[in-house]
């Protein structure tokens, strides 16, 4: 998994605002939405068993072991525009997305 500089800066800011020590952030895939799967991002207090760790500039991105096969080759970015801001995942494994863009399938 690749992490852009914009995503890295946003993760750094979120971890700094959290107010307690963190192992990093964990990226997962959950069953949700009209297409079946959705990306999730949460604070990680500790590395879980089987978590894959991506270290970038002193920040740890943990990948849930159940999500690894869905995230292979994915780029995590952070995008801000006039109407919204958020993390964006560019995943070459996606075969399609729902109309609202909240979920995907492989």
Protein backbone atom coordinates (compact mmCIF):
# COMPACT_ATOMS: atom_id res chain seq x y z
CA UNK A 1 0.00 0.00 0.00
CA UNK A 2 1.33 3.42 -0.98
CA UNK A 3 0.57 6.59 0.98
CA UNK A 4 0.70 10.03 -0.65
CA UNK A 5 2.26 13.01 1.11
CA UNK A 6 -1.20 14.62 1.51
CA UNK A 7 -2.54 11.51 3.26
CA UNK A 8 0.55 11.29 5.42
CA UNK A 9 0.22 14.91 6.56
CA UNK A 10 -3.47 14.41 7.38
CA UNK A 11 -2.76 11.24 9.38
CA UNK A 12 -0.01 13.09 11.29
CA UNK A 13 -2.45 15.90 12.12
CA UNK A 14 -5.15 13.46 13.24
CA UNK A 15 -2.75 11.53 15.47
CA UNK A 16 -1.44 14.78 17.01
CA UNK A 17 -5.03 15.91 17.81
CA UNK A 18 -6.01 12.56 19.31
CA UNK A 19 -4.53 13.41 22.69
CA UNK A 20 -3.24 9.94 23.56
CA UNK A 21 -0.47 7.69 22.27
CA UNK A 22 -1.31 5.63 19.19
CA UNK A 23 0.37 2.82 17.30
CA UNK A 24 -0.88 4.52 14.12
CA UNK A 25 -4.03 4.16 12.04
CA UNK A 26 -5.59 0.93 10.80
CA UNK A 27 -7.06 0.54 7.32
CA UNK A 28 -9.75 -2.11 6.99
CA UNK A 29 -12.42 -3.21 4.57
CA UNK A 30 -15.94 -3.82 5.89
CA UNK A 31 -19.00 -5.36 4.28
CA UNK A 32 -21.23 -2.33 3.68
CA UNK A 33 -22.99 -0.32 1.01
CA UNK A 34 -24.69 -1.20 -2.25
CA UNK A 35 -21.58 -2.65 -3.90
CA UNK A 36 -20.54 -4.77 -0.94
CA UNK A 37 -17.30 -3.37 0.54
CA UNK A 38 -16.22 -0.10 2.10
CA UNK A 39 -12.88 1.26 3.30
CA UNK A 40 -12.57 2.15 6.98
CA UNK A 41 -9.86 4.04 8.81
CA UNK A 42 -9.53 4.07 12.61
CA UNK A 43 -7.02 4.88 15.32
CA UNK A 44 -4.94 1.91 16.45
CA UNK A 45 -3.88 1.72 20.08
CA UNK A 46 -1.67 -1.30 19.37
CA UNK A 47 -0.61 -3.48 16.48
CA UNK A 48 -3.05 -6.37 16.21
CA UNK A 49 -2.12 -9.97 15.53
CA UNK A 50 -1.57 -10.37 11.81
CA UNK A 51 -1.63 -6.62 11.07
CA UNK A 52 0.69 -5.65 8.25
CA UNK A 53 2.59 -2.43 8.99
CA UNK A 54 3.55 0.23 6.46
CA UNK A 55 6.01 2.75 7.92
CA UNK A 56 6.13 6.12 6.17
CA UNK A 57 8.07 9.08 7.57
CA UNK A 58 7.65 7.93 11.19
CA UNK A 59 3.94 7.16 10.84
CA UNK A 60 2.57 3.62 10.94
CA UNK A 61 -0.31 2.55 8.73
CA UNK A 62 -1.61 -0.84 9.86
CA UNK A 63 -3.50 -3.04 7.41
CA UNK A 64 -6.09 -5.38 8.86
CA UNK A 65 -5.16 -8.96 7.87
CA UNK A 66 -8.67 -9.58 6.49
CA UNK A 67 -8.28 -6.56 4.20
CA UNK A 68 -4.81 -7.32 2.80
CA UNK A 69 -6.02 -9.14 -0.29
CA UNK A 70 -8.39 -6.28 -1.16
CA UNK A 71 -5.77 -3.53 -0.65
CA UNK A 72 -2.82 -4.96 -2.59
CA UNK A 73 -1.46 -2.17 -4.84
CA UNK A 74 -3.75 0.50 -3.37
CA UNK A 75 -2.75 4.15 -2.99
CA UNK A 76 -4.16 6.10 -0.02
CA UNK A 77 -4.57 9.83 -0.63
CA UNK A 78 -6.25 12.78 1.09
CA UNK A 79 -8.22 15.15 -1.11
CA UNK A 80 -9.76 18.53 -0.27
CA UNK A 81 -12.04 20.51 -2.56
CA UNK A 82 -14.78 23.12 -2.14
CA UNK A 83 -17.51 20.64 -1.21
CA UNK A 84 -15.76 17.86 0.68
CA UNK A 85 -12.54 16.47 2.05
CA UNK A 86 -11.49 12.97 2.92
CA UNK A 87 -9.29 9.99 2.32
CA UNK A 88 -9.42 8.48 -1.15
CA UNK A 89 -8.29 4.97 -2.00
CA UNK A 90 -7.13 4.29 -5.56
CA UNK A 91 -7.36 0.53 -5.81
CA UNK A 92 -6.41 -1.30 -9.03
CA UNK A 93 -8.33 -4.36 -7.77
CA UNK A 94 -11.72 -2.62 -7.82
CA UNK A 95 -14.08 -3.92 -10.48
CA UNK A 96 -16.76 -1.33 -9.80
CA UNK A 97 -18.26 1.21 -7.40
CA UNK A 98 -21.78 2.06 -6.37
CA UNK A 99 -23.36 5.25 -7.69
CA UNK A 100 -22.77 7.22 -4.50
CA UNK A 101 -19.11 6.14 -4.32
CA UNK A 102 -19.35 4.80 -0.76
CA UNK A 103 -18.68 1.16 -1.59
CA UNK A 104 -16.89 -1.02 -4.14
CA UNK A 105 -16.53 -4.61 -5.27
CA UNK A 106 -13.59 -6.68 -6.47
